[in-house]
N, C-alpha and C. Protein backbone atom coordinates (compact mmCIF):
# COMPACT_ATOMS: atom_id res chain seq x y z
N MET A 1 9.17 -32.30 5.96
CA MET A 1 9.13 -32.02 7.37
C MET A 1 8.40 -30.71 7.60
N ALA A 2 7.44 -30.69 8.51
CA ALA A 2 6.64 -29.51 8.78
C ALA A 2 7.44 -28.49 9.58
N ALA A 3 7.16 -27.20 9.31
CA ALA A 3 7.84 -26.13 10.05
C ALA A 3 7.31 -26.09 11.48
N ILE A 4 8.18 -25.78 12.40
CA ILE A 4 7.80 -25.67 13.81
C ILE A 4 7.59 -24.20 14.13
N HIS A 5 6.42 -23.88 14.68
CA HIS A 5 6.08 -22.51 15.04
C HIS A 5 5.89 -22.42 16.54
N PRO A 6 6.35 -21.32 17.16
CA PRO A 6 6.12 -21.14 18.59
C PRO A 6 4.62 -21.17 18.89
N LYS A 7 4.27 -21.59 20.12
CA LYS A 7 2.87 -21.65 20.51
C LYS A 7 2.22 -20.28 20.33
N GLY A 8 1.07 -20.27 19.67
CA GLY A 8 0.33 -19.04 19.45
C GLY A 8 0.78 -18.25 18.22
N ALA A 9 1.82 -18.70 17.55
CA ALA A 9 2.31 -17.98 16.37
C ALA A 9 1.39 -18.25 15.18
N VAL A 10 1.23 -17.26 14.36
CA VAL A 10 0.45 -17.39 13.14
C VAL A 10 1.39 -17.87 12.04
N LYS A 11 0.98 -18.90 11.30
CA LYS A 11 1.85 -19.47 10.27
C LYS A 11 2.18 -18.47 9.17
N ASP A 12 1.17 -17.96 8.51
CA ASP A 12 1.39 -17.07 7.36
C ASP A 12 0.67 -15.75 7.58
N GLU A 13 1.34 -14.82 8.23
CA GLU A 13 0.74 -13.51 8.44
C GLU A 13 0.79 -12.72 7.13
N VAL A 14 -0.24 -11.98 6.88
CA VAL A 14 -0.31 -11.18 5.68
C VAL A 14 0.45 -9.87 5.92
N VAL A 15 1.37 -9.59 5.03
CA VAL A 15 2.14 -8.35 5.13
C VAL A 15 1.49 -7.32 4.21
N THR A 16 1.29 -6.12 4.74
CA THR A 16 0.77 -5.01 3.96
C THR A 16 1.92 -4.04 3.74
N TYR A 17 2.01 -3.51 2.54
CA TYR A 17 3.07 -2.57 2.21
C TYR A 17 2.47 -1.18 2.01
N PHE A 18 3.06 -0.21 2.67
CA PHE A 18 2.63 1.18 2.59
C PHE A 18 3.71 1.95 1.85
N PHE A 19 3.33 2.58 0.77
CA PHE A 19 4.25 3.40 0.00
C PHE A 19 3.88 4.86 0.27
N LEU A 20 4.75 5.58 0.93
CA LEU A 20 4.53 6.99 1.22
C LEU A 20 5.18 7.77 0.08
N ILE A 21 4.38 8.49 -0.68
CA ILE A 21 4.84 9.05 -1.95
C ILE A 21 4.77 10.58 -1.92
N ARG A 22 5.88 11.17 -2.37
CA ARG A 22 5.98 12.64 -2.40
C ARG A 22 6.43 13.06 -3.80
N HIS A 23 5.80 14.12 -4.33
CA HIS A 23 6.20 14.64 -5.64
C HIS A 23 7.60 15.25 -5.58
N THR A 24 8.35 15.07 -6.64
CA THR A 24 9.61 15.79 -6.84
C THR A 24 9.26 17.09 -7.56
N GLU A 25 10.26 17.93 -7.81
CA GLU A 25 10.00 19.15 -8.58
C GLU A 25 9.40 18.83 -9.94
N LYS A 26 9.94 17.80 -10.57
CA LYS A 26 9.43 17.38 -11.88
C LYS A 26 7.98 16.92 -11.78
N GLY A 27 7.62 16.27 -10.68
CA GLY A 27 6.26 15.76 -10.51
C GLY A 27 5.22 16.83 -10.27
N THR A 28 5.64 17.96 -9.70
CA THR A 28 4.66 19.01 -9.40
C THR A 28 4.14 19.71 -10.65
N VAL A 29 4.84 19.55 -11.78
CA VAL A 29 4.41 20.22 -13.02
C VAL A 29 3.78 19.26 -14.03
N GLN A 30 3.50 18.05 -13.62
CA GLN A 30 2.86 17.08 -14.53
C GLN A 30 1.42 17.46 -14.80
N SER A 31 0.94 17.11 -15.98
CA SER A 31 -0.47 17.28 -16.29
C SER A 31 -1.26 16.16 -15.62
N ALA A 32 -2.57 16.32 -15.54
CA ALA A 32 -3.43 15.28 -14.97
C ALA A 32 -3.31 13.99 -15.78
N ALA A 33 -3.19 14.11 -17.10
CA ALA A 33 -3.07 12.92 -17.95
C ALA A 33 -1.76 12.19 -17.68
N GLN A 34 -0.67 12.91 -17.45
CA GLN A 34 0.61 12.28 -17.15
C GLN A 34 0.55 11.56 -15.80
N LYS A 35 -0.08 12.19 -14.81
CA LYS A 35 -0.22 11.56 -13.49
C LYS A 35 -1.04 10.28 -13.60
N LYS A 36 -2.14 10.34 -14.35
CA LYS A 36 -3.00 9.17 -14.51
C LYS A 36 -2.24 8.03 -15.20
N LYS A 37 -1.45 8.35 -16.22
CA LYS A 37 -0.66 7.32 -16.90
C LYS A 37 0.32 6.68 -15.92
N GLY A 38 0.97 7.47 -15.10
CA GLY A 38 1.90 6.93 -14.11
C GLY A 38 1.21 5.99 -13.13
N VAL A 39 0.04 6.38 -12.65
CA VAL A 39 -0.73 5.54 -11.73
C VAL A 39 -1.14 4.24 -12.42
N ASN A 40 -1.61 4.34 -13.66
CA ASN A 40 -2.01 3.14 -14.40
C ASN A 40 -0.83 2.20 -14.65
N ASP A 41 0.33 2.76 -14.96
CA ASP A 41 1.52 1.93 -15.19
C ASP A 41 1.92 1.17 -13.93
N VAL A 42 1.88 1.84 -12.79
CA VAL A 42 2.23 1.18 -11.53
C VAL A 42 1.18 0.12 -11.19
N THR A 43 -0.09 0.42 -11.41
CA THR A 43 -1.15 -0.54 -11.13
C THR A 43 -0.95 -1.82 -11.95
N LYS A 44 -0.54 -1.68 -13.19
CA LYS A 44 -0.27 -2.86 -14.04
C LYS A 44 0.85 -3.71 -13.45
N VAL A 45 1.90 -3.05 -12.94
CA VAL A 45 3.02 -3.80 -12.35
C VAL A 45 2.55 -4.54 -11.09
N VAL A 46 1.74 -3.87 -10.27
CA VAL A 46 1.24 -4.50 -9.04
C VAL A 46 0.41 -5.74 -9.39
N LYS A 47 -0.47 -5.61 -10.37
CA LYS A 47 -1.29 -6.75 -10.78
C LYS A 47 -0.43 -7.87 -11.36
N LYS A 48 0.59 -7.51 -12.13
CA LYS A 48 1.51 -8.51 -12.69
C LYS A 48 2.22 -9.28 -11.58
N GLU A 49 2.49 -8.61 -10.47
CA GLU A 49 3.15 -9.24 -9.32
C GLU A 49 2.15 -10.03 -8.46
N GLY A 50 0.86 -9.97 -8.83
CA GLY A 50 -0.16 -10.73 -8.11
C GLY A 50 -0.80 -9.98 -6.94
N GLY A 51 -0.59 -8.68 -6.89
CA GLY A 51 -1.09 -7.91 -5.76
C GLY A 51 -2.27 -7.02 -6.08
N GLN A 52 -2.71 -6.33 -5.04
CA GLN A 52 -3.79 -5.35 -5.14
C GLN A 52 -3.29 -4.07 -4.50
N CYS A 53 -3.81 -2.92 -4.98
CA CYS A 53 -3.38 -1.67 -4.37
C CYS A 53 -4.53 -0.66 -4.33
N ASN A 54 -4.43 0.22 -3.37
CA ASN A 54 -5.33 1.36 -3.25
C ASN A 54 -4.45 2.59 -3.08
N LEU A 55 -4.80 3.68 -3.75
CA LEU A 55 -4.03 4.91 -3.68
C LEU A 55 -4.88 5.98 -3.01
N TYR A 56 -4.30 6.64 -2.01
CA TYR A 56 -4.99 7.67 -1.25
C TYR A 56 -4.25 9.00 -1.40
N SER A 57 -5.00 10.06 -1.69
CA SER A 57 -4.43 11.40 -1.74
C SER A 57 -4.47 11.97 -0.33
N THR A 58 -3.43 12.70 0.06
CA THR A 58 -3.39 13.26 1.40
C THR A 58 -3.36 14.78 1.33
N ARG A 59 -3.71 15.43 2.42
CA ARG A 59 -3.62 16.88 2.53
C ARG A 59 -3.04 17.20 3.90
N GLY A 60 -2.15 18.18 3.94
CA GLY A 60 -1.57 18.60 5.20
C GLY A 60 -0.59 17.59 5.79
N ALA A 61 -0.09 16.70 4.96
CA ALA A 61 0.85 15.67 5.41
C ALA A 61 2.17 15.85 4.66
N PRO A 62 3.25 15.28 5.16
CA PRO A 62 4.52 15.41 4.45
C PRO A 62 4.57 14.60 3.15
N PHE A 63 3.57 13.77 2.90
CA PHE A 63 3.52 12.98 1.68
C PHE A 63 2.27 13.35 0.90
N ASP A 64 2.34 13.26 -0.43
CA ASP A 64 1.21 13.62 -1.29
C ASP A 64 0.23 12.47 -1.45
N TYR A 65 0.75 11.24 -1.39
CA TYR A 65 -0.08 10.05 -1.55
C TYR A 65 0.38 8.94 -0.62
N VAL A 66 -0.55 8.04 -0.31
CA VAL A 66 -0.21 6.80 0.38
C VAL A 66 -0.82 5.68 -0.46
N SER A 67 0.00 4.74 -0.85
CA SER A 67 -0.47 3.59 -1.58
C SER A 67 -0.37 2.38 -0.65
N VAL A 68 -1.45 1.61 -0.57
CA VAL A 68 -1.50 0.44 0.30
C VAL A 68 -1.59 -0.79 -0.60
N MET A 69 -0.61 -1.69 -0.45
CA MET A 69 -0.56 -2.87 -1.32
C MET A 69 -0.52 -4.15 -0.51
N THR A 70 -1.25 -5.14 -1.00
CA THR A 70 -1.27 -6.47 -0.38
C THR A 70 -1.10 -7.51 -1.48
N GLY A 71 -0.78 -8.73 -1.05
CA GLY A 71 -0.69 -9.84 -1.99
C GLY A 71 0.60 -9.89 -2.77
N ILE A 72 1.63 -9.17 -2.31
CA ILE A 72 2.91 -9.17 -3.01
C ILE A 72 4.01 -9.63 -2.05
N THR A 73 5.11 -10.06 -2.63
CA THR A 73 6.26 -10.46 -1.82
C THR A 73 7.10 -9.23 -1.49
N THR A 74 8.05 -9.41 -0.58
CA THR A 74 8.97 -8.32 -0.24
C THR A 74 9.78 -7.91 -1.47
N ALA A 75 10.24 -8.89 -2.23
CA ALA A 75 10.99 -8.58 -3.45
C ALA A 75 10.14 -7.79 -4.44
N ALA A 76 8.87 -8.16 -4.58
CA ALA A 76 7.97 -7.43 -5.47
C ALA A 76 7.77 -6.00 -4.98
N ALA A 77 7.66 -5.81 -3.67
CA ALA A 77 7.49 -4.47 -3.11
C ALA A 77 8.68 -3.58 -3.46
N VAL A 78 9.87 -4.14 -3.40
CA VAL A 78 11.08 -3.38 -3.75
C VAL A 78 11.07 -3.05 -5.25
N ARG A 79 10.69 -4.01 -6.08
CA ARG A 79 10.61 -3.76 -7.52
C ARG A 79 9.56 -2.68 -7.83
N ILE A 80 8.43 -2.73 -7.15
CA ILE A 80 7.37 -1.75 -7.36
C ILE A 80 7.83 -0.37 -6.93
N ALA A 81 8.54 -0.28 -5.80
CA ALA A 81 9.06 1.02 -5.35
C ALA A 81 9.98 1.61 -6.41
N ALA A 82 10.82 0.77 -7.01
CA ALA A 82 11.71 1.24 -8.08
C ALA A 82 10.90 1.71 -9.28
N GLU A 83 9.85 0.97 -9.62
CA GLU A 83 8.99 1.35 -10.76
C GLU A 83 8.30 2.69 -10.48
N ILE A 84 7.84 2.89 -9.25
CA ILE A 84 7.18 4.15 -8.89
C ILE A 84 8.12 5.32 -9.14
N GLU A 85 9.40 5.13 -8.87
CA GLU A 85 10.36 6.23 -8.96
C GLU A 85 11.02 6.38 -10.34
N THR A 86 10.77 5.48 -11.29
CA THR A 86 11.49 5.49 -12.56
C THR A 86 11.32 6.77 -13.36
N ARG A 87 10.20 7.42 -13.29
CA ARG A 87 9.96 8.62 -14.09
C ARG A 87 10.59 9.88 -13.48
N GLY A 88 11.03 9.76 -12.23
CA GLY A 88 11.63 10.92 -11.57
C GLY A 88 10.62 11.95 -11.08
N THR A 89 9.34 11.58 -11.10
CA THR A 89 8.30 12.54 -10.70
C THR A 89 7.91 12.41 -9.23
N VAL A 90 8.25 11.28 -8.62
CA VAL A 90 7.95 11.07 -7.19
C VAL A 90 9.08 10.30 -6.52
N LYS A 91 9.14 10.41 -5.21
CA LYS A 91 10.02 9.58 -4.37
C LYS A 91 9.09 8.78 -3.48
N ALA A 92 9.41 7.52 -3.29
CA ALA A 92 8.56 6.64 -2.48
C ALA A 92 9.35 6.10 -1.29
N THR A 93 8.72 6.13 -0.13
CA THR A 93 9.27 5.50 1.06
C THR A 93 8.43 4.26 1.32
N LEU A 94 9.08 3.11 1.43
CA LEU A 94 8.39 1.83 1.60
C LEU A 94 8.41 1.41 3.06
N ILE A 95 7.22 1.10 3.58
CA ILE A 95 7.09 0.60 4.95
C ILE A 95 6.23 -0.66 4.88
N SER A 96 6.64 -1.70 5.59
CA SER A 96 5.82 -2.91 5.64
C SER A 96 5.26 -3.08 7.04
N GLY A 97 4.13 -3.75 7.13
CA GLY A 97 3.54 -3.99 8.44
C GLY A 97 2.59 -5.17 8.41
N ILE A 98 2.30 -5.67 9.62
CA ILE A 98 1.30 -6.72 9.76
C ILE A 98 0.18 -6.18 10.64
N GLU A 99 -1.01 -6.61 10.36
CA GLU A 99 -2.17 -6.14 11.11
C GLU A 99 -2.15 -6.71 12.52
N ILE A 100 -2.33 -5.84 13.50
CA ILE A 100 -2.38 -6.32 14.88
C ILE A 100 -3.77 -6.19 15.48
N MET A 101 -4.59 -5.36 14.86
CA MET A 101 -5.96 -5.22 15.35
C MET A 101 -6.80 -4.68 14.20
N ALA A 102 -7.95 -5.25 14.02
CA ALA A 102 -8.85 -4.80 12.96
C ALA A 102 -10.14 -4.32 13.59
N ALA A 103 -10.56 -3.14 13.18
CA ALA A 103 -11.84 -2.62 13.64
C ALA A 103 -12.90 -3.13 12.69
N ARG A 104 -13.87 -3.82 13.20
CA ARG A 104 -14.95 -4.35 12.37
C ARG A 104 -16.24 -3.64 12.77
N VAL A 105 -16.93 -3.11 11.79
CA VAL A 105 -18.18 -2.42 12.03
C VAL A 105 -19.29 -3.22 11.36
N ILE A 106 -20.31 -3.52 12.13
CA ILE A 106 -21.47 -4.22 11.59
C ILE A 106 -22.39 -3.16 11.00
N SER A 107 -22.76 -3.32 9.77
CA SER A 107 -23.58 -2.36 9.05
C SER A 107 -24.85 -2.03 9.83
N GLY A 108 -25.07 -0.74 10.06
CA GLY A 108 -26.28 -0.29 10.73
C GLY A 108 -26.27 -0.41 12.24
N THR A 109 -25.16 -0.86 12.82
CA THR A 109 -25.10 -1.03 14.26
C THR A 109 -23.90 -0.25 14.80
N SER A 110 -24.15 0.62 15.75
CA SER A 110 -23.05 1.35 16.37
C SER A 110 -22.38 0.44 17.39
N PRO A 111 -21.10 0.71 17.73
CA PRO A 111 -20.40 -0.14 18.69
C PRO A 111 -21.14 -0.26 20.03
N SER A 112 -21.81 0.80 20.46
CA SER A 112 -22.51 0.74 21.75
C SER A 112 -23.77 -0.11 21.69
N GLU A 113 -24.30 -0.37 20.47
CA GLU A 113 -25.52 -1.17 20.33
C GLU A 113 -25.22 -2.66 20.19
N LYS A 114 -23.97 -3.03 19.95
CA LYS A 114 -23.65 -4.44 19.74
C LYS A 114 -24.00 -5.31 20.93
N GLY A 115 -23.75 -4.83 22.13
CA GLY A 115 -23.97 -5.64 23.32
C GLY A 115 -25.40 -5.72 23.79
N ARG A 116 -26.30 -5.02 23.13
CA ARG A 116 -27.70 -5.01 23.56
C ARG A 116 -28.47 -6.19 23.07
């Protein structure tokens, strides 16, 4: 039996997971090699769960990094958050969201030139 969706509803919306990551005291004294190993370990878990991720460094924000992940389930997101925190070097806040508007830029064309 097919699922019934309200008129105009999207059947399978893509959920994006945002991990807001902040160093703990232990994390602030890590070497660059230790940080890289931690990032690589988490990336392996994300790929194992079937997802993709991008990691962004921030400045002047209450978080040190933002990781954006797609292609994973809610359960996988929770498991990944736990994996991120296992070393005790960072704390992660998990936020999920769905895209409501996408800005699309046509290469070489400014938004004001599109209508010409």
